[in-house]
């Protein structure tokens, strides 16, 4: 985690240092989205875990590189997954999984010459780090404090102000830290996400 925080700090410092010469290129804004997650629970007997709809929202910083379409961004989001665990002979248990999520995306925008800064398709990829916020008391299993994933997405930048994007997240590693009745259980959460971002110049 220390290495991750060091990398994030360096990225933020880079964005702010470069903004002194091209201040209009560094932007901040707000991102809101909806999630459709699929949880894969293994080595847990007949227990099944199903995710309902989720949502996320928070702040984002983007740096548009001058004279090209490359634009890295970093966001700090509150993310919640609604989850339901079912086991034979037991009542289903519904609980929430809450995270502070930090996705780091590397985007490339294909600005159309006839519509420069009005409309640009974009692609992006990058890691996401989710930090668990507490533990729902009703949850029969405990998840790890830090969970990682990798995002791949496409979207549109409209009038250099609004971004609409859709992405798929590949869950990386086992998210279960403790499941007393099934100590060998593993959980991986993959996710579809649709988001809207509104950006402003500093």
N, C-alpha and C. Protein backbone atom coordinates (compact mmCIF):
# COMPACT_ATOMS: atom_id res chain seq x y z
N UNK A 1 0.83 -1.20 0.00
CA UNK A 1 0.00 0.00 0.00
C UNK A 1 0.87 1.26 0.00
N UNK A 2 2.01 1.23 0.72
CA UNK A 2 2.89 2.40 0.76
C UNK A 2 3.40 2.73 -0.64
N UNK A 3 3.74 1.69 -1.40
CA UNK A 3 4.23 1.93 -2.76
C UNK A 3 3.15 2.56 -3.61
N UNK A 4 1.90 2.07 -3.48
CA UNK A 4 0.79 2.63 -4.24
C UNK A 4 0.57 4.09 -3.89
N UNK A 5 0.56 4.42 -2.58
CA UNK A 5 0.35 5.80 -2.17
C UNK A 5 1.48 6.69 -2.68
N UNK A 6 2.70 6.17 -2.72
CA UNK A 6 3.83 6.94 -3.23
C UNK A 6 3.64 7.25 -4.71
N UNK A 7 3.17 6.24 -5.49
CA UNK A 7 2.94 6.44 -6.92
C UNK A 7 1.85 7.47 -7.15
N UNK A 8 0.75 7.36 -6.39
CA UNK A 8 -0.36 8.31 -6.53
C UNK A 8 0.10 9.72 -6.20
N UNK A 9 0.91 9.86 -5.14
CA UNK A 9 1.40 11.17 -4.74
C UNK A 9 2.26 11.79 -5.84
N UNK A 10 3.12 10.98 -6.46
CA UNK A 10 3.96 11.48 -7.54
C UNK A 10 3.13 11.91 -8.74
N UNK A 11 2.07 11.13 -9.05
CA UNK A 11 1.20 11.49 -10.17
C UNK A 11 0.50 12.81 -9.92
N UNK A 12 -0.04 12.99 -8.71
CA UNK A 12 -0.73 14.24 -8.38
C UNK A 12 0.23 15.41 -8.43
N UNK A 13 1.47 15.22 -7.90
CA UNK A 13 2.47 16.29 -7.94
C UNK A 13 2.81 16.67 -9.37
N UNK A 14 2.92 15.64 -10.24
CA UNK A 14 3.22 15.90 -11.65
C UNK A 14 2.13 16.73 -12.30
N UNK A 15 0.87 16.38 -12.00
CA UNK A 15 -0.24 17.12 -12.59
C UNK A 15 -0.22 18.58 -12.15
N UNK A 16 0.03 18.83 -10.88
CA UNK A 16 0.02 20.21 -10.40
C UNK A 16 1.24 20.99 -10.86
N UNK A 17 2.40 20.34 -10.97
CA UNK A 17 3.60 21.04 -11.44
C UNK A 17 3.46 21.44 -12.89
N UNK A 18 2.91 20.55 -13.71
CA UNK A 18 2.75 20.86 -15.13
C UNK A 18 1.67 21.89 -15.35
N UNK A 19 0.75 22.02 -14.40
CA UNK A 19 -0.34 22.98 -14.58
C UNK A 19 0.15 24.42 -14.52
N UNK A 20 1.33 24.66 -13.99
CA UNK A 20 1.83 26.03 -13.89
C UNK A 20 2.12 26.62 -15.25
N UNK A 21 2.54 25.77 -16.21
CA UNK A 21 2.85 26.27 -17.54
C UNK A 21 1.68 26.17 -18.49
N UNK A 22 0.82 25.20 -18.29
CA UNK A 22 -0.35 25.04 -19.16
C UNK A 22 -1.56 24.81 -18.25
N UNK A 23 -1.95 25.84 -17.53
CA UNK A 23 -2.97 25.68 -16.50
C UNK A 23 -4.30 25.23 -17.05
N UNK A 24 -4.62 25.60 -18.27
CA UNK A 24 -5.92 25.23 -18.82
C UNK A 24 -6.00 23.74 -19.11
N UNK A 25 -4.86 23.06 -19.13
CA UNK A 25 -4.87 21.64 -19.45
C UNK A 25 -5.21 20.77 -18.24
N UNK A 26 -5.00 21.27 -17.03
CA UNK A 26 -5.34 20.52 -15.83
C UNK A 26 -6.76 20.87 -15.43
N UNK A 27 -7.58 19.85 -15.31
CA UNK A 27 -8.98 20.09 -15.00
C UNK A 27 -9.43 19.23 -13.82
N UNK A 28 -10.48 19.69 -13.17
CA UNK A 28 -11.07 18.92 -12.08
C UNK A 28 -12.56 18.78 -12.35
N UNK A 29 -13.18 17.83 -11.69
CA UNK A 29 -14.61 17.67 -11.92
C UNK A 29 -15.21 16.60 -11.04
N UNK A 30 -16.38 16.15 -11.46
CA UNK A 30 -17.16 15.20 -10.68
C UNK A 30 -17.58 14.04 -11.59
N UNK A 31 -17.51 12.84 -11.04
CA UNK A 31 -17.88 11.65 -11.80
C UNK A 31 -18.94 10.86 -11.04
N UNK A 32 -19.97 10.45 -11.76
CA UNK A 32 -21.05 9.65 -11.18
C UNK A 32 -21.31 8.47 -12.11
N UNK A 33 -21.58 7.31 -11.53
CA UNK A 33 -21.79 6.15 -12.37
C UNK A 33 -22.60 5.05 -11.71
N UNK A 34 -22.98 4.09 -12.52
CA UNK A 34 -23.70 2.91 -12.05
C UNK A 34 -22.90 1.67 -12.39
N UNK A 35 -23.01 0.64 -11.54
CA UNK A 35 -22.23 -0.58 -11.70
C UNK A 35 -23.15 -1.80 -11.78
N UNK A 36 -22.77 -2.74 -12.62
CA UNK A 36 -23.40 -4.06 -12.66
C UNK A 36 -22.28 -5.06 -12.45
N UNK A 37 -22.19 -5.61 -11.25
CA UNK A 37 -21.05 -6.45 -10.88
C UNK A 37 -21.44 -7.92 -10.85
N UNK A 38 -20.48 -8.76 -11.18
CA UNK A 38 -20.66 -10.21 -11.06
C UNK A 38 -19.61 -10.73 -10.10
N UNK A 39 -20.05 -11.35 -9.01
CA UNK A 39 -19.13 -11.85 -7.99
C UNK A 39 -18.96 -13.36 -8.16
N UNK A 40 -17.72 -13.80 -8.26
CA UNK A 40 -17.44 -15.22 -8.43
C UNK A 40 -16.87 -15.78 -7.13
N UNK A 41 -17.71 -16.51 -6.40
CA UNK A 41 -17.33 -17.10 -5.12
C UNK A 41 -17.00 -18.58 -5.34
N UNK A 42 -15.78 -18.98 -4.96
CA UNK A 42 -15.33 -20.36 -5.16
C UNK A 42 -14.89 -20.98 -3.84
N UNK A 43 -14.88 -22.31 -3.81
CA UNK A 43 -14.45 -23.08 -2.63
C UNK A 43 -15.26 -22.70 -1.40
N UNK A 44 -16.56 -22.47 -1.61
CA UNK A 44 -17.44 -22.07 -0.51
C UNK A 44 -18.65 -22.99 -0.41
N UNK A 45 -18.45 -24.27 -0.71
CA UNK A 45 -19.55 -25.22 -0.66
C UNK A 45 -20.64 -24.86 -1.65
N UNK A 46 -21.89 -24.84 -1.18
CA UNK A 46 -23.00 -24.48 -2.06
C UNK A 46 -23.39 -23.00 -1.93
N UNK A 47 -22.56 -22.24 -1.24
CA UNK A 47 -22.86 -20.81 -1.07
C UNK A 47 -22.71 -20.09 -2.40
N UNK A 48 -23.63 -19.18 -2.65
CA UNK A 48 -23.57 -18.35 -3.86
C UNK A 48 -23.69 -16.88 -3.46
N UNK A 49 -22.94 -16.04 -4.15
CA UNK A 49 -22.94 -14.61 -3.87
C UNK A 49 -23.41 -13.89 -5.12
N UNK A 50 -24.40 -13.03 -4.96
CA UNK A 50 -24.95 -12.30 -6.09
C UNK A 50 -24.91 -10.81 -5.81
N UNK A 51 -24.38 -10.07 -6.74
CA UNK A 51 -24.34 -8.61 -6.61
C UNK A 51 -25.54 -8.01 -7.31
N UNK A 52 -26.18 -7.07 -6.65
CA UNK A 52 -27.21 -6.28 -7.29
C UNK A 52 -26.58 -5.05 -7.92
N UNK A 53 -27.39 -4.07 -8.20
CA UNK A 53 -26.86 -2.83 -8.77
C UNK A 53 -26.02 -2.08 -7.76
N UNK A 54 -25.05 -1.36 -8.26
CA UNK A 54 -24.20 -0.55 -7.42
C UNK A 54 -24.07 0.85 -8.00
N UNK A 55 -23.37 1.72 -7.28
CA UNK A 55 -23.18 3.08 -7.76
C UNK A 55 -21.86 3.62 -7.24
N UNK A 56 -21.38 4.69 -7.87
CA UNK A 56 -20.16 5.34 -7.43
C UNK A 56 -20.24 6.82 -7.74
N UNK A 57 -19.47 7.61 -7.02
CA UNK A 57 -19.46 9.05 -7.25
C UNK A 57 -18.32 9.70 -6.49
N UNK A 58 -17.79 10.79 -7.08
CA UNK A 58 -16.71 11.49 -6.39
C UNK A 58 -15.99 12.47 -7.30
N UNK A 59 -14.74 12.77 -6.94
CA UNK A 59 -13.94 13.79 -7.61
C UNK A 59 -12.98 13.15 -8.61
N UNK A 60 -12.62 13.93 -9.64
CA UNK A 60 -11.67 13.46 -10.63
C UNK A 60 -10.78 14.62 -11.07
N UNK A 61 -9.51 14.30 -11.35
CA UNK A 61 -8.56 15.27 -11.91
C UNK A 61 -8.04 14.70 -13.23
N UNK A 62 -8.01 15.53 -14.27
CA UNK A 62 -7.53 15.09 -15.57
C UNK A 62 -6.49 16.08 -16.08
N UNK A 63 -5.43 15.53 -16.68
CA UNK A 63 -4.43 16.37 -17.32
C UNK A 63 -4.41 16.06 -18.81
N UNK A 64 -4.82 17.02 -19.63
CA UNK A 64 -4.81 16.88 -21.08
C UNK A 64 -3.45 17.29 -21.61
N UNK A 65 -2.69 16.33 -22.13
CA UNK A 65 -1.37 16.64 -22.67
C UNK A 65 -1.53 17.59 -23.86
N UNK A 66 -0.65 18.61 -23.95
CA UNK A 66 -0.76 19.56 -25.06
C UNK A 66 -0.41 18.92 -26.39
N UNK A 67 -1.16 19.32 -27.43
CA UNK A 67 -0.90 18.93 -28.82
C UNK A 67 -1.00 17.43 -29.08
N UNK A 68 -1.72 16.72 -28.23
CA UNK A 68 -1.98 15.30 -28.51
C UNK A 68 -3.21 14.88 -27.73
N UNK A 69 -3.66 13.66 -27.96
CA UNK A 69 -4.89 13.20 -27.32
C UNK A 69 -4.69 12.46 -26.02
N UNK A 70 -3.45 12.33 -25.53
CA UNK A 70 -3.19 11.59 -24.30
C UNK A 70 -3.65 12.39 -23.09
N UNK A 71 -4.43 11.76 -22.20
CA UNK A 71 -4.99 12.48 -21.05
C UNK A 71 -5.14 11.53 -19.87
N UNK A 72 -4.15 11.43 -18.98
CA UNK A 72 -4.30 10.61 -17.78
C UNK A 72 -5.24 11.29 -16.78
N UNK A 73 -5.92 10.48 -15.99
CA UNK A 73 -6.72 11.05 -14.92
C UNK A 73 -6.68 10.15 -13.69
N UNK A 74 -7.02 10.74 -12.56
CA UNK A 74 -7.11 10.01 -11.30
C UNK A 74 -8.37 10.47 -10.60
N UNK A 75 -9.10 9.53 -10.00
CA UNK A 75 -10.37 9.86 -9.33
C UNK A 75 -10.37 9.30 -7.91
N UNK A 76 -11.17 9.91 -7.07
CA UNK A 76 -11.42 9.41 -5.72
C UNK A 76 -12.93 9.28 -5.58
N UNK A 77 -13.41 8.03 -5.51
CA UNK A 77 -14.84 7.76 -5.58
C UNK A 77 -15.32 6.95 -4.37
N UNK A 78 -16.55 7.22 -3.96
CA UNK A 78 -17.23 6.32 -3.04
C UNK A 78 -18.01 5.32 -3.87
N UNK A 79 -17.79 4.03 -3.63
CA UNK A 79 -18.42 2.98 -4.42
C UNK A 79 -19.12 1.98 -3.50
N UNK A 80 -20.32 1.58 -3.89
CA UNK A 80 -21.08 0.60 -3.09
C UNK A 80 -21.63 -0.49 -4.00
N UNK A 81 -21.47 -1.73 -3.55
CA UNK A 81 -22.08 -2.88 -4.20
C UNK A 81 -23.13 -3.47 -3.24
N UNK A 82 -24.33 -3.70 -3.72
CA UNK A 82 -25.35 -4.38 -2.94
C UNK A 82 -25.22 -5.88 -3.20
N UNK A 83 -25.07 -6.66 -2.13
CA UNK A 83 -24.69 -8.07 -2.25
C UNK A 83 -25.66 -8.95 -1.48
N UNK A 84 -25.87 -10.17 -2.00
CA UNK A 84 -26.76 -11.14 -1.36
C UNK A 84 -26.08 -12.51 -1.36
N UNK A 85 -25.94 -13.10 -0.17
CA UNK A 85 -25.31 -14.41 -0.01
C UNK A 85 -26.36 -15.45 0.34
N UNK A 86 -26.36 -16.56 -0.38
CA UNK A 86 -27.33 -17.63 -0.15
C UNK A 86 -26.59 -18.93 0.14
N UNK A 87 -27.08 -19.67 1.17
CA UNK A 87 -26.56 -20.98 1.50
C UNK A 87 -27.72 -21.90 1.84
N UNK A 88 -27.61 -23.17 1.46
CA UNK A 88 -28.66 -24.14 1.75
C UNK A 88 -28.88 -24.27 3.25
N UNK A 89 -30.14 -24.21 3.66
CA UNK A 89 -30.48 -24.35 5.07
C UNK A 89 -30.37 -23.08 5.88
N UNK A 90 -30.00 -21.98 5.23
CA UNK A 90 -29.88 -20.71 5.93
C UNK A 90 -30.66 -19.63 5.18
N UNK A 91 -31.11 -18.64 5.92
CA UNK A 91 -31.80 -17.52 5.28
C UNK A 91 -30.80 -16.69 4.49
N UNK A 92 -31.18 -16.24 3.29
CA UNK A 92 -30.27 -15.37 2.51
C UNK A 92 -29.94 -14.11 3.30
N UNK A 93 -28.72 -13.63 3.14
CA UNK A 93 -28.27 -12.44 3.85
C UNK A 93 -27.92 -11.37 2.83
N UNK A 94 -28.54 -10.21 2.96
CA UNK A 94 -28.24 -9.07 2.07
C UNK A 94 -27.38 -8.07 2.83
N UNK A 95 -26.35 -7.57 2.20
CA UNK A 95 -25.47 -6.61 2.85
C UNK A 95 -24.79 -5.76 1.79
N UNK A 96 -24.20 -4.66 2.22
CA UNK A 96 -23.50 -3.77 1.31
C UNK A 96 -22.00 -3.92 1.44
N UNK A 97 -21.32 -3.71 0.32
CA UNK A 97 -19.85 -3.65 0.33
C UNK A 97 -19.46 -2.25 -0.11
N UNK A 98 -18.82 -1.51 0.79
CA UNK A 98 -18.55 -0.09 0.58
C UNK A 98 -17.04 0.15 0.47
N UNK A 99 -16.66 0.99 -0.50
CA UNK A 99 -15.25 1.23 -0.76
C UNK A 99 -14.99 2.70 -1.08
N UNK A 100 -13.78 3.14 -0.77
CA UNK A 100 -13.21 4.34 -1.38
C UNK A 100 -12.33 3.84 -2.51
N UNK A 101 -12.69 4.20 -3.72
CA UNK A 101 -12.04 3.65 -4.91
C UNK A 101 -11.16 4.71 -5.57
N UNK A 102 -9.97 4.30 -5.99
CA UNK A 102 -9.03 5.21 -6.66
C UNK A 102 -8.64 4.59 -8.00
N UNK A 103 -9.38 4.90 -9.08
CA UNK A 103 -8.97 4.45 -10.41
C UNK A 103 -7.97 5.42 -11.04
N UNK A 104 -6.97 4.88 -11.70
CA UNK A 104 -5.97 5.67 -12.42
C UNK A 104 -6.07 5.28 -13.90
N UNK A 105 -6.58 6.16 -14.72
CA UNK A 105 -6.83 5.83 -16.12
C UNK A 105 -5.88 6.59 -17.06
N UNK A 106 -5.50 5.91 -18.11
CA UNK A 106 -4.67 6.50 -19.17
C UNK A 106 -5.52 6.51 -20.44
N UNK A 107 -5.97 7.70 -20.82
CA UNK A 107 -6.92 7.86 -21.93
C UNK A 107 -6.23 8.41 -23.16
N UNK A 108 -6.83 8.07 -24.29
CA UNK A 108 -6.41 8.70 -25.54
C UNK A 108 -7.66 9.12 -26.29
N UNK A 109 -7.70 10.40 -26.65
CA UNK A 109 -8.86 10.97 -27.35
C UNK A 109 -8.54 11.17 -28.82
N UNK A 110 -9.44 10.70 -29.67
CA UNK A 110 -9.26 10.83 -31.12
C UNK A 110 -10.08 12.03 -31.60
N UNK A 111 -9.49 13.22 -31.45
CA UNK A 111 -10.21 14.43 -31.84
C UNK A 111 -10.40 14.46 -33.36
N UNK A 112 -11.61 14.71 -33.80
CA UNK A 112 -11.91 14.83 -35.22
C UNK A 112 -11.57 16.24 -35.67
N UNK A 113 -10.82 16.37 -36.75
CA UNK A 113 -10.32 17.68 -37.19
C UNK A 113 -11.46 18.67 -37.41
N UNK A 114 -12.56 18.22 -37.97
CA UNK A 114 -13.66 19.14 -38.25
C UNK A 114 -14.47 19.48 -37.01
N UNK A 115 -14.23 18.74 -35.92
CA UNK A 115 -14.97 19.00 -34.67
C UNK A 115 -14.01 19.12 -33.50
N UNK A 116 -12.85 19.70 -33.72
CA UNK A 116 -11.83 19.75 -32.68
C UNK A 116 -12.36 20.40 -31.40
N UNK A 117 -12.17 19.70 -30.31
CA UNK A 117 -12.61 20.12 -28.98
C UNK A 117 -14.13 20.22 -28.87
N UNK A 118 -14.84 19.63 -29.80
CA UNK A 118 -16.30 19.55 -29.70
C UNK A 118 -16.75 18.11 -29.48
N UNK A 119 -16.04 17.17 -30.10
CA UNK A 119 -16.43 15.77 -29.98
C UNK A 119 -15.22 14.89 -30.24
N UNK A 120 -14.95 13.96 -29.36
CA UNK A 120 -13.81 13.08 -29.55
C UNK A 120 -14.03 11.72 -28.91
N UNK A 121 -14.07 10.66 -29.70
CA UNK A 121 -14.09 9.31 -29.12
C UNK A 121 -12.81 9.07 -28.33
N UNK A 122 -12.90 8.25 -27.31
CA UNK A 122 -11.71 7.97 -26.51
C UNK A 122 -11.70 6.53 -26.05
N UNK A 123 -10.50 6.03 -25.80
CA UNK A 123 -10.31 4.72 -25.19
C UNK A 123 -9.44 4.92 -23.95
N UNK A 124 -9.55 4.00 -23.00
CA UNK A 124 -8.72 4.14 -21.80
C UNK A 124 -8.53 2.80 -21.11
N UNK A 125 -7.51 2.75 -20.30
CA UNK A 125 -7.22 1.57 -19.50
C UNK A 125 -6.43 2.00 -18.28
N UNK A 126 -6.37 1.13 -17.28
CA UNK A 126 -5.59 1.46 -16.09
C UNK A 126 -6.07 0.71 -14.87
N UNK A 127 -5.29 0.74 -13.80
CA UNK A 127 -5.63 0.01 -12.57
C UNK A 127 -6.63 0.77 -11.71
N UNK A 128 -7.29 0.01 -10.85
CA UNK A 128 -8.19 0.60 -9.87
C UNK A 128 -7.90 -0.04 -8.51
N UNK A 129 -7.87 0.79 -7.47
CA UNK A 129 -7.58 0.33 -6.12
C UNK A 129 -8.78 0.68 -5.23
N UNK A 130 -9.40 -0.35 -4.65
CA UNK A 130 -10.58 -0.13 -3.81
C UNK A 130 -10.21 -0.40 -2.35
N UNK A 131 -10.44 0.60 -1.50
CA UNK A 131 -10.13 0.49 -0.08
C UNK A 131 -11.45 0.30 0.68
N UNK A 132 -11.57 -0.83 1.35
CA UNK A 132 -12.81 -1.15 2.06
C UNK A 132 -13.09 -0.13 3.16
N UNK A 133 -14.34 0.30 3.23
CA UNK A 133 -14.78 1.24 4.27
C UNK A 133 -15.63 0.46 5.27
N UNK A 134 -15.03 0.06 6.39
CA UNK A 134 -15.77 -0.67 7.40
C UNK A 134 -16.18 -2.05 6.91
N UNK A 135 -16.99 -2.72 7.69
CA UNK A 135 -17.51 -4.05 7.36
C UNK A 135 -18.96 -4.10 7.80
N UNK A 136 -19.85 -4.43 6.88
CA UNK A 136 -21.26 -4.55 7.23
C UNK A 136 -21.41 -5.66 8.27
N UNK A 137 -22.06 -5.36 9.40
CA UNK A 137 -22.18 -6.33 10.49
C UNK A 137 -22.95 -7.58 10.08
N UNK A 138 -23.80 -7.46 9.06
CA UNK A 138 -24.58 -8.61 8.61
C UNK A 138 -23.81 -9.51 7.67
N UNK A 139 -22.66 -9.07 7.20
CA UNK A 139 -21.90 -9.84 6.22
C UNK A 139 -21.29 -11.08 6.87
N UNK A 140 -21.56 -12.28 6.34
CA UNK A 140 -20.99 -13.50 6.92
C UNK A 140 -19.53 -13.71 6.54
N UNK A 141 -19.01 -12.92 5.62
CA UNK A 141 -17.60 -13.01 5.25
C UNK A 141 -16.98 -11.63 5.30
N UNK A 142 -15.68 -11.58 5.51
CA UNK A 142 -14.95 -10.31 5.54
C UNK A 142 -14.11 -10.18 4.27
N UNK A 143 -14.12 -9.00 3.70
CA UNK A 143 -13.33 -8.78 2.49
C UNK A 143 -12.03 -8.07 2.84
N UNK A 144 -11.05 -8.17 1.94
CA UNK A 144 -9.76 -7.56 2.18
C UNK A 144 -9.85 -6.05 2.20
N UNK A 145 -8.93 -5.43 2.91
CA UNK A 145 -8.94 -3.97 3.04
C UNK A 145 -8.66 -3.31 1.69
N UNK A 146 -7.76 -3.88 0.90
CA UNK A 146 -7.43 -3.34 -0.42
C UNK A 146 -7.73 -4.38 -1.49
N UNK A 147 -8.52 -3.99 -2.48
CA UNK A 147 -8.86 -4.87 -3.59
C UNK A 147 -8.50 -4.17 -4.89
N UNK A 148 -7.96 -4.91 -5.82
CA UNK A 148 -7.46 -4.31 -7.06
C UNK A 148 -8.23 -4.83 -8.27
N UNK A 149 -8.22 -4.02 -9.31
CA UNK A 149 -8.82 -4.41 -10.57
C UNK A 149 -8.14 -3.69 -11.72
N UNK A 150 -8.54 -4.05 -12.94
CA UNK A 150 -7.99 -3.39 -14.12
C UNK A 150 -9.14 -3.02 -15.04
N UNK A 151 -9.20 -1.75 -15.43
CA UNK A 151 -10.30 -1.22 -16.24
C UNK A 151 -9.90 -1.11 -17.71
N UNK A 152 -10.86 -1.41 -18.58
CA UNK A 152 -10.72 -1.20 -20.02
C UNK A 152 -12.03 -0.58 -20.50
N UNK A 153 -11.94 0.59 -21.15
CA UNK A 153 -13.19 1.27 -21.50
C UNK A 153 -13.10 2.11 -22.75
N UNK A 154 -14.28 2.57 -23.18
CA UNK A 154 -14.41 3.48 -24.30
C UNK A 154 -15.40 4.57 -23.91
N UNK A 155 -15.37 5.69 -24.64
CA UNK A 155 -16.29 6.76 -24.32
C UNK A 155 -16.20 7.90 -25.31
N UNK A 156 -16.81 9.03 -24.93
CA UNK A 156 -16.84 10.22 -25.77
C UNK A 156 -16.57 11.44 -24.91
N UNK A 157 -15.75 12.34 -25.42
CA UNK A 157 -15.55 13.65 -24.81
C UNK A 157 -16.36 14.64 -25.64
N UNK A 158 -17.31 15.29 -25.00
CA UNK A 158 -18.24 16.17 -25.70
C UNK A 158 -17.98 17.62 -25.28
N UNK A 159 -17.73 18.47 -26.23
CA UNK A 159 -17.43 19.90 -26.06
C UNK A 159 -16.34 20.14 -25.01
N UNK A 160 -15.46 19.17 -24.85
CA UNK A 160 -14.33 19.30 -23.93
C UNK A 160 -14.79 19.65 -22.51
N UNK A 161 -15.94 19.11 -22.14
CA UNK A 161 -16.56 19.47 -20.87
C UNK A 161 -17.25 18.27 -20.22
N UNK A 162 -17.87 17.42 -21.03
CA UNK A 162 -18.61 16.27 -20.53
C UNK A 162 -18.02 14.99 -21.12
N UNK A 163 -17.83 14.00 -20.29
CA UNK A 163 -17.36 12.71 -20.77
C UNK A 163 -18.35 11.61 -20.37
N UNK A 164 -18.75 10.82 -21.34
CA UNK A 164 -19.61 9.67 -21.12
C UNK A 164 -18.79 8.43 -21.45
N UNK A 165 -18.74 7.48 -20.52
CA UNK A 165 -17.85 6.33 -20.73
C UNK A 165 -18.49 5.05 -20.22
N UNK A 166 -18.06 3.95 -20.82
CA UNK A 166 -18.45 2.62 -20.36
C UNK A 166 -17.21 1.76 -20.27
N UNK A 167 -17.11 0.96 -19.21
CA UNK A 167 -15.88 0.19 -18.98
C UNK A 167 -16.21 -1.17 -18.39
N UNK A 168 -15.26 -2.08 -18.54
CA UNK A 168 -15.33 -3.38 -17.88
C UNK A 168 -14.13 -3.51 -16.96
N UNK A 169 -14.38 -3.91 -15.74
CA UNK A 169 -13.31 -4.09 -14.76
C UNK A 169 -13.06 -5.58 -14.51
N UNK A 170 -11.79 -5.96 -14.66
CA UNK A 170 -11.38 -7.32 -14.34
C UNK A 170 -10.88 -7.33 -12.90
N UNK A 171 -11.56 -8.09 -12.03
CA UNK A 171 -11.09 -8.19 -10.65
C UNK A 171 -9.79 -8.97 -10.58
N UNK A 172 -8.85 -8.50 -9.77
CA UNK A 172 -7.54 -9.14 -9.65
C UNK A 172 -7.36 -9.66 -8.22
N UNK A 173 -7.00 -10.91 -8.09
CA UNK A 173 -6.72 -11.46 -6.77
C UNK A 173 -7.97 -11.85 -6.00
N UNK A 174 -7.76 -12.48 -4.85
CA UNK A 174 -8.83 -12.93 -3.98
C UNK A 174 -9.24 -11.81 -3.04
N UNK A 175 -10.56 -11.50 -3.00
CA UNK A 175 -11.05 -10.40 -2.18
C UNK A 175 -11.47 -10.83 -0.78
N UNK A 176 -11.46 -12.14 -0.48
CA UNK A 176 -11.90 -12.62 0.83
C UNK A 176 -10.73 -12.66 1.80
N UNK A 177 -10.93 -12.06 2.97
CA UNK A 177 -9.92 -12.15 4.02
C UNK A 177 -10.31 -13.16 5.10
N UNK A 178 -11.63 -13.35 5.30
CA UNK A 178 -12.09 -14.29 6.33
C UNK A 178 -13.51 -14.76 6.03
N UNK A 179 -13.69 -16.07 6.02
CA UNK A 179 -15.01 -16.70 5.87
C UNK A 179 -14.98 -17.95 6.75
N UNK A 180 -15.33 -17.82 8.04
CA UNK A 180 -15.08 -18.89 9.02
C UNK A 180 -15.57 -20.27 8.60
N UNK A 181 -16.72 -20.35 7.96
CA UNK A 181 -17.26 -21.67 7.59
C UNK A 181 -16.59 -22.25 6.36
N UNK A 182 -15.87 -21.44 5.61
CA UNK A 182 -15.17 -21.89 4.40
C UNK A 182 -13.82 -21.17 4.31
N UNK A 183 -12.82 -21.63 5.05
CA UNK A 183 -11.54 -20.91 5.11
C UNK A 183 -10.79 -20.83 3.78
N UNK A 184 -11.12 -21.69 2.82
CA UNK A 184 -10.43 -21.66 1.53
C UNK A 184 -11.21 -20.89 0.46
N UNK A 185 -12.24 -20.19 0.87
CA UNK A 185 -13.08 -19.48 -0.11
C UNK A 185 -12.31 -18.37 -0.80
N UNK A 186 -12.67 -18.12 -2.04
CA UNK A 186 -12.07 -17.02 -2.79
C UNK A 186 -13.18 -16.26 -3.52
N UNK A 187 -12.97 -14.98 -3.70
CA UNK A 187 -13.97 -14.11 -4.32
C UNK A 187 -13.28 -13.16 -5.28
N UNK A 188 -13.83 -13.07 -6.48
CA UNK A 188 -13.34 -12.10 -7.44
C UNK A 188 -14.54 -11.38 -8.03
N UNK A 189 -14.47 -10.06 -8.07
CA UNK A 189 -15.58 -9.25 -8.55
C UNK A 189 -15.21 -8.57 -9.86
N UNK A 190 -15.91 -8.95 -10.93
CA UNK A 190 -15.80 -8.25 -12.21
C UNK A 190 -16.98 -7.29 -12.32
N UNK A 191 -16.86 -6.27 -13.15
CA UNK A 191 -17.88 -5.22 -13.10
C UNK A 191 -18.00 -4.46 -14.42
N UNK A 192 -19.23 -4.23 -14.85
CA UNK A 192 -19.52 -3.27 -15.91
C UNK A 192 -19.84 -1.93 -15.27
N UNK A 193 -19.36 -0.86 -15.87
CA UNK A 193 -19.58 0.47 -15.29
C UNK A 193 -19.91 1.46 -16.39
N UNK A 194 -20.92 2.29 -16.14
CA UNK A 194 -21.26 3.40 -17.03
C UNK A 194 -21.18 4.68 -16.19
N UNK A 195 -20.45 5.68 -16.70
CA UNK A 195 -20.24 6.88 -15.90
C UNK A 195 -20.35 8.14 -16.74
N UNK A 196 -20.64 9.22 -16.04
CA UNK A 196 -20.66 10.57 -16.65
C UNK A 196 -19.74 11.45 -15.81
N UNK A 197 -18.88 12.21 -16.50
CA UNK A 197 -17.93 13.09 -15.83
C UNK A 197 -18.10 14.50 -16.34
N UNK A 198 -18.18 15.46 -15.44
CA UNK A 198 -18.24 16.88 -15.79
C UNK A 198 -16.94 17.52 -15.34
N UNK A 199 -16.23 18.20 -16.26
CA UNK A 199 -14.91 18.74 -15.97
C UNK A 199 -14.89 20.27 -16.09
N UNK A 200 -14.06 20.90 -15.26
CA UNK A 200 -13.89 22.35 -15.25
C UNK A 200 -12.41 22.68 -15.27
N UNK A 201 -12.07 23.84 -15.85
CA UNK A 201 -10.70 24.32 -15.81
C UNK A 201 -10.41 24.96 -14.47
N UNK A 202 -9.15 24.86 -14.03
CA UNK A 202 -8.74 25.56 -12.81
C UNK A 202 -8.65 27.06 -13.07
